[in-house]
């Protein structure tokens, strides 16, 4: 799906409800970068796969991707997995890097929670 197609889809979707006065005023400018950012934060997709998902490809690879019509299915499945993790609350792309790292390594409370208020580590 191109950015233009995504915008048309989004605007059609927004026009189905009665909460948006002017669906044409909305763009998809940040949708691609948001998905790529979430994929990077989730650790479910490697760098090369994210480049492919974002269509940041070298000239020699573009025609191969174009003619292998099913080449994006694996990546779309990964995006679906991340969206499901967000929906269930298992993944929050809005967390800070430190909070995401804590979740990745399984730390519930950091060392600062063991210190009495107002005291610093030496």
PDB file of N, CA and C in Angstrom:
ATOM      1  N   UNK A   1       0.852  -1.171   0.000  1.00  0.00           N
ATOM      2  CA  UNK A   1       0.000   0.000   0.000  1.00  0.00           C
ATOM      3  C   UNK A   1       0.897   1.233   0.000  1.00  0.00           C
ATOM      4  N   UNK A   2       0.626   2.114  -0.900  1.00  0.00           N
ATOM      5  CA  UNK A   2       1.391   3.354  -0.950  1.00  0.00           C
ATOM      6  C   UNK A   2       0.858   4.326   0.102  1.00  0.00           C
ATOM      7  N   UNK A   3       1.596   5.392   0.326  1.00  0.00           N
ATOM      8  CA  UNK A   3       1.149   6.411   1.275  1.00  0.00           C
ATOM      9  C   UNK A   3      -0.167   7.029   0.813  1.00  0.00           C
ATOM     10  N   UNK A   4      -0.286   7.284  -0.484  1.00  0.00           N
ATOM     11  CA  UNK A   4      -1.525   7.841  -1.025  1.00  0.00           C
ATOM     12  C   UNK A   4      -2.712   6.917  -0.802  1.00  0.00           C
ATOM     13  N   UNK A   5      -2.492   5.613  -1.032  1.00  0.00           N
ATOM     14  CA  UNK A   5      -3.565   4.643  -0.806  1.00  0.00           C
ATOM     15  C   UNK A   5      -3.939   4.581   0.678  1.00  0.00           C
ATOM     16  N   UNK A   6      -2.933   4.643   1.539  1.00  0.00           N
ATOM     17  CA  UNK A   6      -3.191   4.619   2.981  1.00  0.00           C
ATOM     18  C   UNK A   6      -4.008   5.836   3.401  1.00  0.00           C
ATOM     19  N   UNK A   7      -3.695   6.996   2.833  1.00  0.00           N
ATOM     20  CA  UNK A   7      -4.450   8.211   3.158  1.00  0.00           C
ATOM     21  C   UNK A   7      -5.902   8.090   2.707  1.00  0.00           C
ATOM     22  N   UNK A   8      -6.114   7.573   1.508  1.00  0.00           N
ATOM     23  CA  UNK A   8      -7.487   7.390   1.031  1.00  0.00           C
ATOM     24  C   UNK A   8      -8.256   6.442   1.941  1.00  0.00           C
ATOM     25  N   UNK A   9      -7.612   5.330   2.312  1.00  0.00           N
ATOM     26  CA  UNK A   9      -8.249   4.357   3.204  1.00  0.00           C
ATOM     27  C   UNK A   9      -8.605   5.015   4.534  1.00  0.00           C
ATOM     28  N   UNK A  10      -7.635   5.738   5.113  1.00  0.00           N
ATOM     29  CA  UNK A  10      -7.858   6.378   6.402  1.00  0.00           C
ATOM     30  C   UNK A  10      -8.998   7.394   6.321  1.00  0.00           C
ATOM     31  N   UNK A  11      -9.005   8.194   5.274  1.00  0.00           N
ATOM     32  CA  UNK A  11     -10.043   9.211   5.131  1.00  0.00           C
ATOM     33  C   UNK A  11     -11.424   8.577   4.945  1.00  0.00           C
ATOM     34  N   UNK A  12     -11.482   7.484   4.177  1.00  0.00           N
ATOM     35  CA  UNK A  12     -12.754   6.778   4.021  1.00  0.00           C
ATOM     36  C   UNK A  12     -13.219   6.228   5.366  1.00  0.00           C
ATOM     37  N   UNK A  13     -12.276   5.668   6.117  1.00  0.00           N
ATOM     38  CA  UNK A  13     -12.598   5.121   7.436  1.00  0.00           C
ATOM     39  C   UNK A  13     -13.109   6.221   8.370  1.00  0.00           C
ATOM     40  N   UNK A  14     -12.420   7.365   8.384  1.00  0.00           N
ATOM     41  CA  UNK A  14     -12.824   8.481   9.243  1.00  0.00           C
ATOM     42  C   UNK A  14     -14.196   9.039   8.844  1.00  0.00           C
ATOM     43  N   UNK A  15     -14.510   8.976   7.562  1.00  0.00           N
ATOM     44  CA  UNK A  15     -15.789   9.523   7.105  1.00  0.00           C
ATOM     45  C   UNK A  15     -16.973   8.638   7.502  1.00  0.00           C
ATOM     46  N   UNK A  16     -16.729   7.408   7.925  1.00  0.00           N
ATOM     47  CA  UNK A  16     -17.808   6.509   8.340  1.00  0.00           C
ATOM     48  C   UNK A  16     -18.454   6.956   9.652  1.00  0.00           C
ATOM     49  N   UNK A  17     -17.688   7.607  10.488  1.00  0.00           N
ATOM     50  CA  UNK A  17     -18.211   8.069  11.769  1.00  0.00           C
ATOM     51  C   UNK A  17     -18.748   9.481  11.675  1.00  0.00           C
ATOM     52  N   UNK A  18     -19.235   9.977  12.785  1.00  0.00           N
ATOM     53  CA  UNK A  18     -19.776  11.334  12.790  1.00  0.00           C
ATOM     54  C   UNK A  18     -18.957  12.278  13.660  1.00  0.00           C
ATOM     55  N   UNK A  19     -17.792  11.852  14.083  1.00  0.00           N
ATOM     56  CA  UNK A  19     -16.964  12.662  14.982  1.00  0.00           C
ATOM     57  C   UNK A  19     -15.963  13.552  14.233  1.00  0.00           C
ATOM     58  N   UNK A  20     -15.670  13.236  12.982  1.00  0.00           N
ATOM     59  CA  UNK A  20     -14.678  13.987  12.207  1.00  0.00           C
ATOM     60  C   UNK A  20     -15.411  14.848  11.178  1.00  0.00           C
ATOM     61  N   UNK A  21     -15.229  16.161  11.271  1.00  0.00           N
ATOM     62  CA  UNK A  21     -15.900  17.078  10.348  1.00  0.00           C
ATOM     63  C   UNK A  21     -15.308  17.049   8.948  1.00  0.00           C
ATOM     64  N   UNK A  22     -13.971  16.995   8.861  1.00  0.00           N
ATOM     65  CA  UNK A  22     -13.308  17.082   7.562  1.00  0.00           C
ATOM     66  C   UNK A  22     -12.218  16.015   7.444  1.00  0.00           C
ATOM     67  N   UNK A  23     -12.577  14.787   7.075  1.00  0.00           N
ATOM     68  CA  UNK A  23     -11.574  13.723   6.955  1.00  0.00           C
ATOM     69  C   UNK A  23     -10.439  14.065   5.989  1.00  0.00           C
ATOM     70  N   UNK A  24     -10.716  14.892   4.993  1.00  0.00           N
ATOM     71  CA  UNK A  24      -9.680  15.262   4.019  1.00  0.00           C
ATOM     72  C   UNK A  24      -8.567  16.086   4.645  1.00  0.00           C
ATOM     73  N   UNK A  25      -8.809  16.633   5.827  1.00  0.00           N
ATOM     74  CA  UNK A  25      -7.790  17.441   6.499  1.00  0.00           C
ATOM     75  C   UNK A  25      -6.713  16.576   7.143  1.00  0.00           C
ATOM     76  N   UNK A  26      -6.941  15.270   7.239  1.00  0.00           N
ATOM     77  CA  UNK A  26      -5.990  14.371   7.881  1.00  0.00           C
ATOM     78  C   UNK A  26      -5.059  13.754   6.851  1.00  0.00           C
ATOM     79  N   UNK A  27      -3.793  13.606   7.248  1.00  0.00           N
ATOM     80  CA  UNK A  27      -2.791  13.011   6.358  1.00  0.00           C
ATOM     81  C   UNK A  27      -2.157  11.792   7.021  1.00  0.00           C
ATOM     82  N   UNK A  28      -1.378  11.080   6.258  1.00  0.00           N
ATOM     83  CA  UNK A  28      -0.681   9.884   6.759  1.00  0.00           C
ATOM     84  C   UNK A  28       0.802  10.146   6.926  1.00  0.00           C
ATOM     85  N   UNK A  29       1.154  11.402   7.065  1.00  0.00           N
ATOM     86  CA  UNK A  29       2.558  11.801   7.097  1.00  0.00           C
ATOM     87  C   UNK A  29       3.384  10.987   8.089  1.00  0.00           C
ATOM     88  N   UNK A  30       2.877  10.784   9.300  1.00  0.00           N
ATOM     89  CA  UNK A  30       3.691  10.112  10.310  1.00  0.00           C
ATOM     90  C   UNK A  30       3.346   8.641  10.507  1.00  0.00           C
ATOM     91  N   UNK A  31       2.382   8.114   9.766  1.00  0.00           N
ATOM     92  CA  UNK A  31       1.970   6.715   9.966  1.00  0.00           C
ATOM     93  C   UNK A  31       3.116   5.741   9.700  1.00  0.00           C
ATOM     94  N   UNK A  32       3.859   5.960   8.640  1.00  0.00           N
ATOM     95  CA  UNK A  32       4.963   5.063   8.294  1.00  0.00           C
ATOM     96  C   UNK A  32       6.048   5.107   9.364  1.00  0.00           C
ATOM     97  N   UNK A  33       6.428   6.290   9.770  1.00  0.00           N
ATOM     98  CA  UNK A  33       7.488   6.390  10.777  1.00  0.00           C
ATOM     99  C   UNK A  33       7.036   5.840  12.118  1.00  0.00           C
ATOM    100  N   UNK A  34       5.753   5.970  12.434  1.00  0.00           N
ATOM    101  CA  UNK A  34       5.237   5.435  13.695  1.00  0.00           C
ATOM    102  C   UNK A  34       5.353   3.918  13.706  1.00  0.00           C
ATOM    103  N   UNK A  35       4.904   3.269  12.644  1.00  0.00           N
ATOM    104  CA  UNK A  35       4.985   1.800  12.572  1.00  0.00           C
ATOM    105  C   UNK A  35       6.438   1.346  12.620  1.00  0.00           C
ATOM    106  N   UNK A  36       7.312   1.999  11.877  1.00  0.00           N
ATOM    107  CA  UNK A  36       8.728   1.607  11.882  1.00  0.00           C
ATOM    108  C   UNK A  36       9.341   1.809  13.270  1.00  0.00           C
ATOM    109  N   UNK A  37       8.953   2.872  13.958  1.00  0.00           N
ATOM    110  CA  UNK A  37       9.444   3.118  15.306  1.00  0.00           C
ATOM    111  C   UNK A  37       8.960   2.035  16.264  1.00  0.00           C
ATOM    112  N   UNK A  38       7.673   1.685  16.179  1.00  0.00           N
ATOM    113  CA  UNK A  38       7.136   0.638  17.044  1.00  0.00           C
ATOM    114  C   UNK A  38       7.829  -0.698  16.791  1.00  0.00           C
ATOM    115  N   UNK A  39       8.124  -0.984  15.527  1.00  0.00           N
ATOM    116  CA  UNK A  39       8.788  -2.250  15.203  1.00  0.00           C
ATOM    117  C   UNK A  39      10.201  -2.278  15.803  1.00  0.00           C
ATOM    118  N   UNK A  40      10.895  -1.157  15.745  1.00  0.00           N
ATOM    119  CA  UNK A  40      12.234  -1.089  16.330  1.00  0.00           C
ATOM    120  C   UNK A  40      12.165  -1.248  17.845  1.00  0.00           C
ATOM    121  N   UNK A  41      11.213  -0.583  18.469  1.00  0.00           N
ATOM    122  CA  UNK A  41      11.084  -0.649  19.925  1.00  0.00           C
ATOM    123  C   UNK A  41      10.666  -2.029  20.405  1.00  0.00           C
ATOM    124  N   UNK A  42       9.937  -2.761  19.587  1.00  0.00           N
ATOM    125  CA  UNK A  42       9.421  -4.070  19.996  1.00  0.00           C
ATOM    126  C   UNK A  42      10.480  -5.170  19.974  1.00  0.00           C
ATOM    127  N   UNK A  43      11.538  -4.976  19.223  1.00  0.00           N
ATOM    128  CA  UNK A  43      12.575  -5.993  19.029  1.00  0.00           C
ATOM    129  C   UNK A  43      12.068  -7.232  18.300  1.00  0.00           C
ATOM    130  N   UNK A  44      10.959  -7.142  17.606  1.00  0.00           N
ATOM    131  CA  UNK A  44      10.434  -8.274  16.847  1.00  0.00           C
ATOM    132  C   UNK A  44      10.879  -8.264  15.391  1.00  0.00           C
ATOM    133  N   UNK A  45      11.553  -7.189  14.982  1.00  0.00           N
ATOM    134  CA  UNK A  45      11.963  -7.094  13.587  1.00  0.00           C
ATOM    135  C   UNK A  45      13.372  -6.519  13.509  1.00  0.00           C
ATOM    136  N   UNK A  46      14.229  -7.190  12.748  1.00  0.00           N
ATOM    137  CA  UNK A  46      15.610  -6.723  12.625  1.00  0.00           C
ATOM    138  C   UNK A  46      15.687  -5.503  11.691  1.00  0.00           C
ATOM    139  N   UNK A  47      16.855  -4.901  11.651  1.00  0.00           N
ATOM    140  CA  UNK A  47      17.076  -3.668  10.897  1.00  0.00           C
ATOM    141  C   UNK A  47      16.762  -3.845   9.413  1.00  0.00           C
ATOM    142  N   UNK A  48      17.266  -4.921   8.799  1.00  0.00           N
ATOM    143  CA  UNK A  48      17.031  -5.132   7.370  1.00  0.00           C
ATOM    144  C   UNK A  48      15.551  -5.319   7.061  1.00  0.00           C
ATOM    145  N   UNK A  49      14.840  -5.991   7.932  1.00  0.00           N
ATOM    146  CA  UNK A  49      13.397  -6.172   7.729  1.00  0.00           C
ATOM    147  C   UNK A  49      12.669  -4.836   7.852  1.00  0.00           C
ATOM    148  N   UNK A  50      13.105  -3.989   8.773  1.00  0.00           N
ATOM    149  CA  UNK A  50      12.488  -2.663   8.901  1.00  0.00           C
ATOM    150  C   UNK A  50      12.765  -1.813   7.666  1.00  0.00           C
ATOM    151  N   UNK A  51      13.956  -1.938   7.109  1.00  0.00           N
ATOM    152  CA  UNK A  51      14.268  -1.216   5.868  1.00  0.00           C
ATOM    153  C   UNK A  51      13.331  -1.678   4.757  1.00  0.00           C
ATOM    154  N   UNK A  52      13.116  -2.979   4.674  1.00  0.00           N
ATOM    155  CA  UNK A  52      12.214  -3.532   3.667  1.00  0.00           C
ATOM    156  C   UNK A  52      10.785  -3.047   3.907  1.00  0.00           C
ATOM    157  N   UNK A  53      10.335  -3.085   5.142  1.00  0.00           N
ATOM    158  CA  UNK A  53       8.989  -2.637   5.489  1.00  0.00           C
ATOM    159  C   UNK A  53       8.789  -1.165   5.129  1.00  0.00           C
ATOM    160  N   UNK A  54       9.805  -0.362   5.337  1.00  0.00           N
ATOM    161  CA  UNK A  54       9.725   1.062   5.029  1.00  0.00           C
ATOM    162  C   UNK A  54      10.038   1.407   3.590  1.00  0.00           C
ATOM    163  N   UNK A  55      10.297   0.376   2.769  1.00  0.00           N
ATOM    164  CA  UNK A  55      10.642   0.550   1.355  1.00  0.00           C
ATOM    165  C   UNK A  55      11.907   1.388   1.171  1.00  0.00           C
ATOM    166  N   UNK A  56      12.850   1.251   2.104  1.00  0.00           N
ATOM    167  CA  UNK A  56      14.148   1.917   1.989  1.00  0.00           C
ATOM    168  C   UNK A  56      15.119   0.899   1.419  1.00  0.00           C
ATOM    169  N   UNK A  57      15.069   0.731   0.103  1.00  0.00           N
ATOM    170  CA  UNK A  57      15.781  -0.352  -0.550  1.00  0.00           C
ATOM    171  C   UNK A  57      16.757   0.164  -1.593  1.00  0.00           C
ATOM    172  N   UNK A  58      17.744  -0.656  -1.863  1.00  0.00           N
ATOM    173  CA  UNK A  58      18.669  -0.320  -2.946  1.00  0.00           C
ATOM    174  C   UNK A  58      17.988  -0.645  -4.274  1.00  0.00           C
ATOM    175  N   UNK A  59      18.450  -0.032  -5.340  1.00  0.00           N
ATOM    176  CA  UNK A  59      17.841  -0.191  -6.658  1.00  0.00           C
ATOM    177  C   UNK A  59      17.723  -1.657  -7.076  1.00  0.00           C
ATOM    178  N   UNK A  60      18.716  -2.473  -6.793  1.00  0.00           N
ATOM    179  CA  UNK A  60      18.700  -3.870  -7.219  1.00  0.00           C
ATOM    180  C   UNK A  60      17.653  -4.724  -6.533  1.00  0.00           C
ATOM    181  N   UNK A  61      17.174  -4.279  -5.397  1.00  0.00           N
ATOM    182  CA  UNK A  61      16.222  -5.070  -4.617  1.00  0.00           C
ATOM    183  C   UNK A  61      14.779  -4.686  -4.921  1.00  0.00           C
ATOM    184  N   UNK A  62      14.562  -3.485  -5.401  1.00  0.00           N
ATOM    185  CA  UNK A  62      13.199  -2.981  -5.603  1.00  0.00           C
ATOM    186  C   UNK A  62      12.410  -3.856  -6.571  1.00  0.00           C
ATOM    187  N   UNK A  63      12.997  -4.204  -7.711  1.00  0.00           N
ATOM    188  CA  UNK A  63      12.243  -5.009  -8.672  1.00  0.00           C
ATOM    189  C   UNK A  63      11.989  -6.413  -8.131  1.00  0.00           C
ATOM    190  N   UNK A  64      12.936  -6.958  -7.369  1.00  0.00           N
ATOM    191  CA  UNK A  64      12.729  -8.279  -6.771  1.00  0.00           C
ATOM    192  C   UNK A  64      11.539  -8.239  -5.825  1.00  0.00           C
ATOM    193  N   UNK A  65      11.457  -7.221  -5.011  1.00  0.00           N
ATOM    194  CA  UNK A  65      10.338  -7.078  -4.083  1.00  0.00           C
ATOM    195  C   UNK A  65       9.028  -6.877  -4.840  1.00  0.00           C
ATOM    196  N   UNK A  66       9.060  -6.080  -5.888  1.00  0.00           N
ATOM    197  CA  UNK A  66       7.856  -5.816  -6.670  1.00  0.00           C
ATOM    198  C   UNK A  66       7.283  -7.095  -7.268  1.00  0.00           C
ATOM    199  N   UNK A  67       8.157  -7.946  -7.797  1.00  0.00           N
ATOM    200  CA  UNK A  67       7.678  -9.149  -8.473  1.00  0.00           C
ATOM    201  C   UNK A  67       7.473 -10.337  -7.540  1.00  0.00           C
ATOM    202  N   UNK A  68       7.974 -10.261  -6.336  1.00  0.00           N
ATOM    203  CA  UNK A  68       7.682 -11.316  -5.358  1.00  0.00           C
ATOM    204  C   UNK A  68       6.554 -10.807  -4.473  1.00  0.00           C
ATOM    205  N   UNK A  69       5.375 -10.864  -4.994  1.00  0.00           N
ATOM    206  CA  UNK A  69       4.210 -10.218  -4.380  1.00  0.00           C
ATOM    207  C   UNK A  69       3.950 -10.638  -2.939  1.00  0.00           C
ATOM    208  N   UNK A  70       4.436 -11.794  -2.547  1.00  0.00           N
ATOM    209  CA  UNK A  70       4.206 -12.261  -1.184  1.00  0.00           C
ATOM    210  C   UNK A  70       5.359 -11.924  -0.250  1.00  0.00           C
ATOM    211  N   UNK A  71       6.310 -11.158  -0.719  1.00  0.00           N
ATOM    212  CA  UNK A  71       7.485 -10.838   0.075  1.00  0.00           C
ATOM    213  C   UNK A  71       7.198 -10.046   1.342  1.00  0.00           C
ATOM    214  N   UNK A  72       6.117  -9.314   1.356  1.00  0.00           N
ATOM    215  CA  UNK A  72       5.804  -8.477   2.512  1.00  0.00           C
ATOM    216  C   UNK A  72       4.921  -9.175   3.548  1.00  0.00           C
ATOM    217  N   UNK A  73       4.416 -10.357   3.229  1.00  0.00           N
ATOM    218  CA  UNK A  73       3.485 -11.033   4.130  1.00  0.00           C
ATOM    219  C   UNK A  73       4.124 -11.306   5.490  1.00  0.00           C
ATOM    220  N   UNK A  74       5.362 -11.769   5.498  1.00  0.00           N
ATOM    221  CA  UNK A  74       6.053 -12.048   6.765  1.00  0.00           C
ATOM    222  C   UNK A  74       6.170 -10.781   7.600  1.00  0.00           C
ATOM    223  N   UNK A  75       6.486  -9.673   6.955  1.00  0.00           N
ATOM    224  CA  UNK A  75       6.632  -8.405   7.667  1.00  0.00           C
ATOM    225  C   UNK A  75       5.285  -7.892   8.169  1.00  0.00           C
ATOM    226  N   UNK A  76       4.258  -8.052   7.362  1.00  0.00           N
ATOM    227  CA  UNK A  76       2.921  -7.629   7.779  1.00  0.00           C
ATOM    228  C   UNK A  76       2.454  -8.447   8.976  1.00  0.00           C
ATOM    229  N   UNK A  77       2.832  -9.718   9.001  1.00  0.00           N
ATOM    230  CA  UNK A  77       2.490 -10.560  10.151  1.00  0.00           C
ATOM    231  C   UNK A  77       3.168 -10.028  11.411  1.00  0.00           C
ATOM    232  N   UNK A  78       4.419  -9.615  11.296  1.00  0.00           N
ATOM    233  CA  UNK A  78       5.134  -9.050  12.447  1.00  0.00           C
ATOM    234  C   UNK A  78       4.470  -7.755  12.929  1.00  0.00           C
ATOM    235  N   UNK A  79       4.045  -6.915  12.006  1.00  0.00           N
ATOM    236  CA  UNK A  79       3.348  -5.685  12.379  1.00  0.00           C
ATOM    237  C   UNK A  79       2.054  -6.043  13.118  1.00  0.00           C
ATOM    238  N   UNK A  80       1.337  -7.030  12.603  1.00  0.00           N
ATOM    239  CA  UNK A  80       0.106  -7.478  13.270  1.00  0.00           C
ATOM    240  C   UNK A  80       0.408  -7.958  14.687  1.00  0.00           C
ATOM    241  N   UNK A  81       1.504  -8.700  14.859  1.00  0.00           N
ATOM    242  CA  UNK A  81       1.877  -9.173  16.199  1.00  0.00           C
ATOM    243  C   UNK A  81       2.104  -8.003  17.154  1.00  0.00           C
ATOM    244  N   UNK A  82       2.805  -6.981  16.691  1.00  0.00           N
ATOM    245  CA  UNK A  82       3.080  -5.816  17.538  1.00  0.00           C
ATOM    246  C   UNK A  82       1.777  -5.095  17.877  1.00  0.00           C
ATOM    247  N   UNK A  83       0.889  -4.937  16.906  1.00  0.00           N
ATOM    248  CA  UNK A  83      -0.396  -4.289  17.177  1.00  0.00           C
ATOM    249  C   UNK A  83      -1.203  -5.082  18.202  1.00  0.00           C
ATOM    250  N   UNK A  84      -1.147  -6.410  18.126  1.00  0.00           N
ATOM    251  CA  UNK A  84      -1.836  -7.249  19.105  1.00  0.00           C
ATOM    252  C   UNK A  84      -1.218  -7.069  20.497  1.00  0.00           C
ATOM    253  N   UNK A  85       0.111  -6.996  20.571  1.00  0.00           N
ATOM    254  CA  UNK A  85       0.783  -6.789  21.860  1.00  0.00           C
ATOM    255  C   UNK A  85       0.405  -5.441  22.467  1.00  0.00           C
ATOM    256  N   UNK A  86       0.260  -4.437  21.619  1.00  0.00           N
ATOM    257  CA  UNK A  86      -0.172  -3.118  22.101  1.00  0.00           C
ATOM    258  C   UNK A  86      -1.617  -3.206  22.602  1.00  0.00           C
ATOM    259  N   UNK A  87      -2.456  -3.866  21.829  1.00  0.00           N
ATOM    260  CA  UNK A  87      -3.878  -3.992  22.183  1.00  0.00           C
ATOM    261  C   UNK A  87      -4.062  -4.703  23.521  1.00  0.00           C
ATOM    262  N   UNK A  88      -3.258  -5.741  23.781  1.00  0.00           N
ATOM    263  CA  UNK A  88      -3.395  -6.498  25.024  1.00  0.00           C
ATOM    264  C   UNK A  88      -2.641  -5.865  26.185  1.00  0.00           C
ATOM    265  N   UNK A  89      -1.881  -4.817  25.909  1.00  0.00           N
ATOM    266  CA  UNK A  89      -1.130  -4.141  26.966  1.00  0.00           C
ATOM    267  C   UNK A  89       0.208  -4.786  27.283  1.00  0.00           C
ATOM    268  N   UNK A  90       0.605  -5.777  26.490  1.00  0.00           N
ATOM    269  CA  UNK A  90       1.891  -6.440  26.714  1.00  0.00           C
ATOM    270  C   UNK A  90       3.061  -5.607  26.209  1.00  0.00           C
ATOM    271  N   UNK A  91       2.780  -4.664  25.324  1.00  0.00           N
ATOM    272  CA  UNK A  91       3.820  -3.794  24.782  1.00  0.00           C
ATOM    273  C   UNK A  91       3.266  -2.376  24.735  1.00  0.00           C
ATOM    274  N   UNK A  92       4.048  -1.439  25.267  1.00  0.00           N
ATOM    275  CA  UNK A  92       3.659  -0.030  25.265  1.00  0.00           C
ATOM    276  C   UNK A  92       4.750   0.766  24.567  1.00  0.00           C
ATOM    277  N   UNK A  93       4.532   1.152  23.302  1.00  0.00           N
ATOM    278  CA  UNK A  93       5.568   1.887  22.579  1.00  0.00           C
ATOM    279  C   UNK A  93       5.820   3.278  23.133  1.00  0.00           C
ATOM    280  N   UNK A  94       4.973   3.739  24.040  1.00  0.00           N
ATOM    281  CA  UNK A  94       5.145   5.055  24.623  1.00  0.00           C
ATOM    282  C   UNK A  94       6.069   5.087  25.829  1.00  0.00           C
ATOM    283  N   UNK A  95       6.536   3.911  26.259  1.00  0.00           N
ATOM    284  CA  UNK A  95       7.454   3.876  27.401  1.00  0.00           C
ATOM    285  C   UNK A  95       8.788   4.512  27.034  1.00  0.00           C
ATOM    286  N   UNK A  96       9.485   5.003  28.030  1.00  0.00           N
ATOM    287  CA  UNK A  96      10.833   5.531  27.796  1.00  0.00           C
ATOM    288  C   UNK A  96      11.779   4.366  27.525  1.00  0.00           C
ATOM    289  N   UNK A  97      12.968   4.658  27.060  1.00  0.00           N
ATOM    290  CA  UNK A  97      13.964   3.607  26.807  1.00  0.00           C
ATOM    291  C   UNK A  97      14.278   2.826  28.081  1.00  0.00           C
ATOM    292  N   UNK A  98      14.410   3.547  29.175  1.00  0.00           N
ATOM    293  CA  UNK A  98      14.726   2.902  30.450  1.00  0.00           C
ATOM    294  C   UNK A  98      13.588   1.965  30.862  1.00  0.00           C
ATOM    295  N   UNK A  99      12.355   2.408  30.712  1.00  0.00           N
ATOM    296  CA  UNK A  99      11.213   1.570  31.070  1.00  0.00           C
ATOM    297  C   UNK A  99      11.134   0.336  30.170  1.00  0.00           C
ATOM    298  N   UNK A 100      11.400   0.516  28.872  1.00  0.00           N
ATOM    299  CA  UNK A 100      11.399  -0.640  27.961  1.00  0.00           C
ATOM    300  C   UNK A 100      12.506  -1.613  28.335  1.00  0.00           C
ATOM    301  N   UNK A 101      13.679  -1.098  28.675  1.00  0.00           N
ATOM    302  CA  UNK A 101      14.791  -1.961  29.078  1.00  0.00           C
ATOM    303  C   UNK A 101      14.435  -2.742  30.336  1.00  0.00           C
ATOM    304  N   UNK A 102      13.824  -2.063  31.295  1.00  0.00           N
ATOM    305  CA  UNK A 102      13.389  -2.755  32.518  1.00  0.00           C
ATOM    306  C   UNK A 102      12.439  -3.903  32.183  1.00  0.00           C
ATOM    307  N   UNK A 103      11.496  -3.654  31.290  1.00  0.00           N
ATOM    308  CA  UNK A 103      10.560  -4.704  30.890  1.00  0.00           C
ATOM    309  C   UNK A 103      11.270  -5.858  30.189  1.00  0.00           C
ATOM    310  N   UNK A 104      12.237  -5.531  29.340  1.00  0.00           N
ATOM    311  CA  UNK A 104      12.957  -6.562  28.596  1.00  0.00           C
ATOM    312  C   UNK A 104      13.744  -7.485  29.515  1.00  0.00           C
ATOM    313  N   UNK A 105      14.352  -6.923  30.544  1.00  0.00           N
ATOM    314  CA  UNK A 105      15.179  -7.741  31.439  1.00  0.00           C
ATOM    315  C   UNK A 105      14.407  -8.230  32.651  1.00  0.00           C
ATOM    316  N   UNK A 106      13.136  -7.846  32.749  1.00  0.00           N
ATOM    317  CA  UNK A 106      12.284  -8.363  33.807  1.00  0.00           C
ATOM    318  C   UNK A 106      12.416  -7.673  35.145  1.00  0.00           C
ATOM    319  N   UNK A 107      12.888  -6.439  35.157  1.00  0.00           N
ATOM    320  CA  UNK A 107      12.996  -5.691  36.412  1.00  0.00           C
ATOM    321  C   UNK A 107      11.672  -4.989  36.664  1.00  0.00           C
ATOM    322  N   UNK A 108      11.062  -5.275  37.784  1.00  0.00           N
ATOM    323  CA  UNK A 108       9.798  -4.634  38.134  1.00  0.00           C
ATOM    324  C   UNK A 108      10.057  -3.319  38.847  1.00  0.00           C
ATOM    325  N   UNK A 109      10.888  -3.350  39.879  1.00  0.00           N
ATOM    326  CA  UNK A 109      11.238  -2.138  40.614  1.00  0.00           C
ATOM    327  C   UNK A 109      12.740  -1.949  40.516  1.00  0.00           C
ATOM    328  N   UNK A 110      13.155  -0.731  40.243  1.00  0.00           N
ATOM    329  CA  UNK A 110      14.578  -0.434  40.141  1.00  0.00           C
ATOM    330  C   UNK A 110      15.205  -0.279  41.510  1.00  0.00           C
ATOM    331  N   UNK A 111      16.544  -0.176  41.569  1.00  0.00           N
ATOM    332  CA  UNK A 111      17.243  -0.041  42.840  1.00  0.00           C
ATOM    333  C   UNK A 111      16.826   1.191  43.629  1.00  0.00           C
ATOM    334  N   UNK A 112      16.365   2.227  42.914  1.00  0.00           N
ATOM    335  CA  UNK A 112      15.984   3.442  43.625  1.00  0.00           C
ATOM    336  C   UNK A 112      14.777   3.200  44.529  1.00  0.00           C
ATOM    337  N   UNK A 113      13.977   2.176  44.254  1.00  0.00           N
ATOM    338  CA  UNK A 113      12.808   1.927  45.089  1.00  0.00           C
ATOM    339  C   UNK A 113      13.196   1.345  46.447  1.00  0.00           C
ATOM    340  N   UNK A 114      14.428   0.827  46.581  1.00  0.00           N
ATOM    341  CA  UNK A 114      14.891   0.252  47.846  1.00  0.00           C
ATOM    342  C   UNK A 114      15.507   1.303  48.771  1.00  0.00           C
ATOM    343  N   UNK A 115      15.766   2.493  48.237  1.00  0.00           N
ATOM    344  CA  UNK A 115      16.429   3.524  49.021  1.00  0.00           C
ATOM    345  C   UNK A 115      15.400   4.378  49.741  1.00  0.00           C
ATOM    346  N   UNK A 116      15.704   4.778  50.961  1.00  0.00           N
ATOM    347  CA  UNK A 116      14.802   5.696  51.664  1.00  0.00           C
ATOM    348  C   UNK A 116      14.714   7.021  50.918  1.00  0.00           C
ATOM    349  N   UNK A 117      13.598   7.686  51.015  1.00  0.00           N
ATOM    350  CA  UNK A 117      13.398   8.945  50.310  1.00  0.00           C
ATOM    351  C   UNK A 117      14.442   9.971  50.724  1.00  0.00           C
ATOM    352  N   UNK A 118      14.971  10.690  49.720  1.00  0.00           N
ATOM    353  CA  UNK A 118      15.921  11.759  49.994  1.00  0.00           C
ATOM    354  C   UNK A 118      17.380  11.315  50.119  1.00  0.00           C
ATOM    355  N   UNK A 119      17.673  10.028  50.064  1.00  0.00           N
ATOM    356  CA  UNK A 119      19.058   9.572  50.170  1.00  0.00           C
ATOM    357  C   UNK A 119      19.556   9.147  48.799  1.00  0.00           C
ATOM    358  N   UNK A 120      20.768   9.514  48.463  1.00  0.00           N
ATOM    359  CA  UNK A 120      21.393   9.124  47.198  1.00  0.00           C
ATOM    360  C   UNK A 120      22.387   8.015  47.422  1.00  0.00           C
ATOM    361  N   UNK A 121      22.634   7.247  46.345  1.00  0.00           N
ATOM    362  CA  UNK A 121      23.668   6.218  46.425  1.00  0.00           C
ATOM    363  C   UNK A 121      25.027   6.896  46.448  1.00  0.00           C
ATOM    364  N   UNK A 122      25.964   6.261  47.086  1.00  0.00           N
ATOM    365  CA  UNK A 122      27.323   6.803  47.089  1.00  0.00           C
ATOM    366  C   UNK A 122      28.134   6.193  46.005  1.00  0.00           C
TER     367      UNK A 122
END
